[in-house]
Amino acid sequence: MYIDTRSKLDMTKSVINYLDISSIELNELFDRISRECSEHKYFDGVQADIIIDEYINKHRSEQVIDEILVFHLSYRRPESEDYSGRNLFDLLSNKSELSEFLREKDILFVPDGKKLRLFYKGEYISLDNTYETNVPYLRWRLGYNSRMDFCFNGFAFKDLIYKNDYTKDLIYGPELLNRLATYLNSPQLCQEYVSDRVYYCITYIVSINRICFDDDSSLSDDIKGDFLVREVLRRLYEYSEQEERYISDIDNHVIRTRDNDTIPNSAYLEKEVIPYEMLV
C-alpha cells in the first residue's frame, strides 16, 4: 500500500485509513501538538516529532507501506507514450528524447568509465577549470566528483508543489539544459527544447525499497513508511493551524533512486500540465 500525498484531502483520508482513526481523533492529535509544542515563543518541532512518533506507534497499523508516490517534474512531448524515469547517465549516453535533441545541436555525451565527457561541435569540452561559471555543477551532474548525481528524482508531496522554488526554477527549461546553455554560450538551447514540449508533473508509484529521502538517505526500508507518515501528519498539522495561502512548500522532501536505476513505464500513474500562470 501507499500513502496518497497528492492533496490535503488525499493525505487526510489516507492517513486516517492507515492509522485506523477518525477525523475527530486526528484533530485531537493536532490540538495536543498545539498545546504542548507552542508553549514558548517558538514552535518546538522536536517535541512535535516525539508526539507524532508516539502516536504512530500507539496506532501501529498491520498494513505495510511498501510503495510511495513520487512527483517528478519533466518536459515531455504531449504525444509521448514513454514515461519511464531514466537516470541521467542513461538519458544522455543512450538514445532518448533529450540526447537526440542535443545531438541535433552538435552536443554529445560520451561515457568514460563512470563519468560523461562533453563534446560540442566535434571538440572535447574540458571541465577542469572549476572557477568557471557552471563548471562545478556540470562536474557534479556528469560524474566527475566522488559523489555522483545521476539519479532520477522527484518530490514526496504534490499538494503545494506549484509553490516550490525548484518548480518555478524550471519554468524556462530543465536545470541541466539551462546550465549547459550558459556554459556553451548557446542561450537559445532551452527555448528550442521547450518549444514543442509541455511542462508536466508526472506521478509514479514506486516500490519503497527503490528510493531514499535525499535529506535522510540512511533510513532502512522498514522505517521509511513511518518517516513518511510522520511528515504527512506534520504537514496536515500545518494546514490545521493556518490558511493554505500562507503555507510554503519548503519542507517538501526530495525522493531519489540509486544512480544507476531507472523507473519503468509500468510505474507511471498520471501526469498533469503545470500551468505557467501558477508559477509567476
Protein backbone atom coordinates (compact mmCIF):
# COMPACT_ATOMS: atom_id res chain seq x y z
CA MET A 1 0.00 0.00 0.00
CA TYR A 2 0.99 3.66 -0.20
CA ILE A 3 0.03 6.92 1.48
CA ASP A 4 -1.68 9.18 -1.05
CA THR A 5 0.17 12.50 -0.96
CA ARG A 6 -1.45 14.20 -3.95
CA SER A 7 -3.59 16.66 -1.99
CA LYS A 8 -4.56 17.69 1.54
CA LEU A 9 -7.79 15.69 1.25
CA ASP A 10 -5.99 12.62 -0.12
CA MET A 11 -3.44 12.75 2.71
CA THR A 12 -6.15 13.11 5.34
CA LYS A 13 -8.16 10.15 4.04
CA SER A 14 -5.07 8.02 3.55
CA VAL A 15 -3.53 8.58 6.98
CA ILE A 16 -6.89 8.11 8.75
CA ASN A 17 -7.27 4.80 6.95
CA TYR A 18 -3.70 3.71 7.66
CA LEU A 19 -3.80 4.54 11.39
CA ASP A 20 -7.42 3.36 11.71
CA ILE A 21 -8.53 6.55 13.46
CA SER A 22 -11.37 9.03 13.00
CA SER A 23 -11.13 12.63 11.83
CA ILE A 24 -12.01 13.66 15.39
CA GLU A 25 -9.05 11.69 16.74
CA LEU A 26 -6.80 13.28 14.14
CA ASN A 27 -7.90 16.76 15.24
CA GLU A 28 -7.33 15.79 18.87
CA LEU A 29 -3.74 14.94 17.95
CA PHE A 30 -3.30 18.36 16.38
CA ASP A 31 -4.81 20.04 19.45
CA ARG A 32 -2.29 18.23 21.64
CA ILE A 33 0.60 19.31 19.43
CA SER A 34 -0.61 22.92 19.64
CA ARG A 35 -0.84 22.79 23.44
CA GLU A 36 2.45 21.06 24.13
CA CYS A 37 4.66 22.48 21.39
CA SER A 38 3.63 26.11 21.33
CA GLU A 39 4.05 27.00 24.99
CA HIS A 40 7.13 29.10 24.32
CA LYS A 41 7.92 31.81 21.79
CA TYR A 42 8.88 29.32 19.09
CA PHE A 43 7.20 26.13 17.91
CA ASP A 44 9.05 23.09 19.29
CA GLY A 45 9.43 20.87 16.22
CA VAL A 46 11.46 18.25 18.09
CA GLN A 47 8.71 17.78 20.66
CA ALA A 48 6.12 17.63 17.87
CA ASP A 49 8.05 14.79 16.24
CA ILE A 50 8.17 12.93 19.56
CA ILE A 51 4.41 13.26 20.00
CA ILE A 52 3.73 12.16 16.42
CA ASP A 53 6.11 9.19 16.62
CA GLU A 54 4.45 8.04 19.85
CA TYR A 55 1.06 8.37 18.17
CA ILE A 56 2.14 6.31 15.17
CA ASN A 57 3.49 3.58 17.47
CA LYS A 58 0.29 3.60 19.53
CA HIS A 59 -1.81 3.16 16.39
CA ARG A 60 0.61 0.77 14.75
CA SER A 61 -1.05 -0.48 11.57
CA GLU A 62 -0.93 -4.01 10.26
CA GLN A 63 -0.81 -2.54 6.78
CA VAL A 64 2.67 -2.29 5.30
CA ILE A 65 3.68 0.80 3.35
CA ASP A 66 5.67 -0.83 0.58
CA GLU A 67 5.12 1.79 -2.14
CA ILE A 68 5.41 5.55 -2.37
CA LEU A 69 4.20 8.26 -4.73
CA VAL A 70 6.95 10.23 -6.48
CA PHE A 71 6.15 13.52 -8.22
CA HIS A 72 8.64 14.20 -10.98
CA LEU A 73 8.95 17.48 -12.91
CA SER A 74 9.64 16.92 -16.58
CA TYR A 75 9.36 18.37 -20.08
CA ARG A 76 7.82 15.86 -22.49
CA ARG A 77 6.24 15.94 -25.90
CA PRO A 78 2.45 15.67 -25.41
CA GLU A 79 2.24 12.71 -27.79
CA SER A 80 4.98 10.77 -25.99
CA GLU A 81 3.98 7.42 -24.50
CA ASP A 82 7.32 6.80 -22.81
CA TYR A 83 7.05 7.79 -19.16
CA SER A 84 9.96 5.79 -17.82
CA GLY A 85 12.13 7.69 -15.35
CA ARG A 86 15.65 7.20 -16.66
CA ASN A 87 18.79 8.12 -14.76
CA LEU A 88 20.87 10.93 -16.24
CA PHE A 89 23.79 8.73 -17.37
CA ASP A 90 21.41 6.57 -19.39
CA LEU A 91 19.44 9.57 -20.64
CA LEU A 92 22.50 11.37 -22.03
CA SER A 93 24.64 8.48 -23.26
CA ASN A 94 21.91 6.40 -24.94
CA LYS A 95 19.12 7.24 -27.35
CA SER A 96 16.47 9.39 -25.69
CA GLU A 97 14.35 12.42 -26.47
CA LEU A 98 16.94 14.61 -24.75
CA SER A 99 20.09 13.07 -26.24
CA GLU A 100 18.63 13.16 -29.77
CA PHE A 101 17.79 16.85 -29.37
CA LEU A 102 21.31 17.59 -28.11
CA ARG A 103 22.85 15.59 -30.95
CA GLU A 104 20.98 17.80 -33.42
CA LYS A 105 22.71 20.76 -31.74
CA ASP A 106 26.14 19.08 -32.04
CA ILE A 107 26.24 18.31 -28.32
CA LEU A 108 27.35 14.80 -27.40
CA PHE A 109 27.98 12.98 -24.12
CA VAL A 110 30.38 10.05 -24.29
CA PRO A 111 30.82 7.57 -21.41
CA ASP A 112 34.31 7.42 -19.91
CA GLY A 113 34.17 4.95 -17.04
CA LYS A 114 31.70 6.32 -14.51
CA LYS A 115 31.62 9.83 -15.95
CA LEU A 116 30.38 11.50 -19.12
CA ARG A 117 32.65 13.56 -21.36
CA LEU A 118 31.13 16.57 -23.11
CA PHE A 119 31.71 17.23 -26.83
CA TYR A 120 30.47 20.29 -28.68
CA LYS A 121 30.75 20.68 -32.45
CA GLY A 122 33.12 17.72 -32.53
CA GLU A 123 35.51 19.09 -29.91
CA TYR A 124 36.05 17.82 -26.39
CA ILE A 125 34.96 20.42 -23.82
CA SER A 126 37.11 20.39 -20.69
CA LEU A 127 35.51 20.79 -17.28
CA ASP A 128 38.83 21.17 -15.46
CA ASN A 129 38.54 24.86 -14.57
CA THR A 130 36.24 24.76 -11.56
CA TYR A 131 36.36 28.56 -11.28
CA GLU A 132 34.31 28.92 -14.45
CA THR A 133 30.58 29.53 -14.05
CA ASN A 134 28.54 26.31 -14.01
CA VAL A 135 31.58 24.01 -14.20
CA PRO A 136 31.20 22.74 -10.59
CA TYR A 137 27.55 21.96 -11.29
CA LEU A 138 28.33 20.16 -14.57
CA ARG A 139 31.14 18.15 -12.98
CA TRP A 140 28.76 17.08 -10.22
CA ARG A 141 25.97 16.02 -12.60
CA LEU A 142 28.29 14.32 -15.10
CA GLY A 143 30.12 12.10 -12.62
CA TYR A 144 33.45 13.93 -12.23
CA ASN A 145 33.23 14.08 -8.43
CA SER A 146 33.47 11.24 -5.93
CA ARG A 147 29.78 11.72 -5.09
CA MET A 148 27.80 11.28 -8.29
CA ASP A 149 24.30 12.54 -9.02
CA PHE A 150 22.81 10.67 -11.97
CA CYS A 151 19.71 9.68 -10.03
CA PHE A 152 16.09 10.03 -11.07
CA ASN A 153 14.30 12.18 -8.51
CA GLY A 154 11.05 13.83 -7.54
CA PHE A 155 9.07 15.14 -4.58
CA ALA A 156 7.14 13.34 -1.84
CA PHE A 157 4.19 15.76 -1.82
CA LYS A 158 2.16 17.28 -4.61
CA ASP A 159 -0.31 19.42 -2.66
CA LEU A 160 1.83 22.59 -2.71
CA ILE A 161 4.33 21.68 -5.42
CA TYR A 162 3.49 24.73 -7.55
CA LYS A 163 4.72 26.91 -4.69
CA ASN A 164 8.06 25.15 -4.63
CA ASP A 165 11.02 27.29 -5.69
CA TYR A 166 12.52 24.43 -7.70
CA THR A 167 9.28 24.01 -9.66
CA LYS A 168 9.46 27.70 -10.51
CA ASP A 169 13.15 27.49 -11.40
CA LEU A 170 12.33 25.02 -14.19
CA ILE A 171 9.72 27.24 -15.82
CA TYR A 172 12.06 28.00 -18.74
CA GLY A 173 13.53 24.53 -19.10
CA PRO A 174 15.41 21.68 -17.35
CA GLU A 175 18.14 22.79 -14.96
CA LEU A 176 20.92 20.83 -16.69
CA LEU A 177 19.98 22.30 -20.05
CA ASN A 178 19.94 25.82 -18.64
CA ARG A 179 23.41 25.40 -17.13
CA LEU A 180 24.74 23.76 -20.27
CA ALA A 181 23.34 26.53 -22.47
CA THR A 182 25.10 29.16 -20.38
CA TYR A 183 28.40 27.29 -20.33
CA LEU A 184 28.38 26.71 -24.11
CA ASN A 185 27.16 30.26 -24.78
CA SER A 186 24.13 28.88 -26.56
CA PRO A 187 21.21 30.76 -24.95
CA GLN A 188 18.62 29.53 -27.45
CA LEU A 189 19.12 25.90 -26.40
CA CYS A 190 16.41 25.81 -23.71
CA GLN A 191 13.95 27.86 -25.69
CA GLU A 192 14.19 25.45 -28.63
CA TYR A 193 13.89 22.41 -26.38
CA VAL A 194 10.71 23.53 -24.60
CA SER A 195 9.08 24.99 -27.74
CA ASP A 196 7.37 21.68 -28.64
CA ARG A 197 7.24 20.16 -25.17
CA VAL A 198 4.95 20.52 -22.17
CA TYR A 199 5.96 21.05 -18.55
CA TYR A 200 4.42 18.19 -16.55
CA CYS A 201 4.19 16.97 -13.00
CA ILE A 202 4.32 13.20 -13.52
CA THR A 203 3.18 10.86 -10.76
CA TYR A 204 4.78 7.45 -10.25
CA ILE A 205 4.01 4.64 -7.80
CA VAL A 206 7.41 3.24 -6.82
CA SER A 207 8.44 0.41 -4.54
CA ILE A 208 9.73 1.97 -1.33
CA ASN A 209 12.89 -0.15 -1.44
CA ARG A 210 13.95 1.59 -4.67
CA ILE A 211 14.06 5.08 -3.20
CA CYS A 212 15.63 7.12 -0.44
CA PHE A 213 14.84 10.51 1.03
CA ASP A 214 17.53 12.96 -0.02
CA ASP A 215 17.78 14.58 3.42
CA ASP A 216 17.88 11.25 5.29
CA SER A 217 19.28 8.62 2.94
CA SER A 218 20.24 6.25 5.77
CA LEU A 219 16.64 5.24 6.57
CA SER A 220 16.02 1.50 6.25
CA ASP A 221 13.05 0.26 4.23
CA ASP A 222 11.01 -0.62 7.33
CA ILE A 223 11.48 2.91 8.74
CA LYS A 224 10.70 4.85 5.55
CA GLY A 225 6.95 4.28 5.93
CA ASP A 226 6.89 5.67 9.48
CA PHE A 227 9.00 8.62 8.37
CA LEU A 228 6.56 9.44 5.58
CA VAL A 229 3.51 9.14 7.87
CA ARG A 230 5.18 11.49 10.35
CA GLU A 231 5.86 14.05 7.63
CA VAL A 232 2.27 13.76 6.37
CA LEU A 233 0.96 14.38 9.88
CA ARG A 234 3.26 17.38 10.27
CA ARG A 235 2.01 18.81 7.01
CA LEU A 236 -1.64 18.23 7.92
CA TYR A 237 -0.98 19.87 11.28
CA GLU A 238 0.31 22.93 9.45
CA TYR A 239 -2.92 23.02 7.45
CA SER A 240 -4.87 22.92 10.71
CA GLU A 241 -3.02 25.95 12.04
CA GLN A 242 -3.12 28.38 9.11
CA GLU A 243 -4.67 29.12 5.76
CA GLU A 244 -3.18 27.36 2.74
CA ARG A 245 -2.08 30.62 1.13
CA TYR A 246 0.38 31.14 3.99
CA ILE A 247 1.92 27.67 3.77
CA SER A 248 5.08 27.18 1.72
CA ASP A 249 6.49 24.01 0.16
CA ILE A 250 9.94 24.45 1.64
CA ASP A 251 9.71 21.19 3.61
CA ASN A 252 8.75 19.00 0.64
CA HIS A 253 11.10 16.04 0.70
CA VAL A 254 13.16 15.16 -2.36
CA ILE A 255 13.00 11.47 -3.22
CA ARG A 256 15.72 9.86 -5.33
CA THR A 257 16.65 6.48 -6.72
CA ARG A 258 20.05 4.84 -6.99
CA ASP A 259 22.30 6.49 -9.58
CA ASN A 260 22.03 3.53 -11.96
CA ASP A 261 18.31 2.85 -11.51
CA THR A 262 15.51 3.57 -13.97
CA ILE A 263 11.83 3.75 -13.05
CA PRO A 264 9.87 1.60 -15.54
CA ASN A 265 6.96 2.79 -17.62
CA SER A 266 4.70 0.50 -15.58
CA ALA A 267 5.23 2.73 -12.51
CA TYR A 268 3.57 5.68 -14.28
CA LEU A 269 0.26 6.73 -12.72
CA GLU A 270 -0.74 10.08 -14.21
CA LYS A 271 0.51 13.41 -15.48
CA GLU A 272 -0.66 16.98 -15.03
CA VAL A 273 0.27 20.04 -17.05
CA ILE A 274 1.97 22.65 -14.87
CA PRO A 275 0.26 25.96 -15.74
CA TYR A 276 2.61 28.88 -16.34
CA GLU A 277 0.26 31.28 -14.57
CA MET A 278 0.52 29.29 -11.33
CA LEU A 279 4.28 29.77 -11.17
CA VAL A 280 4.60 33.51 -11.77
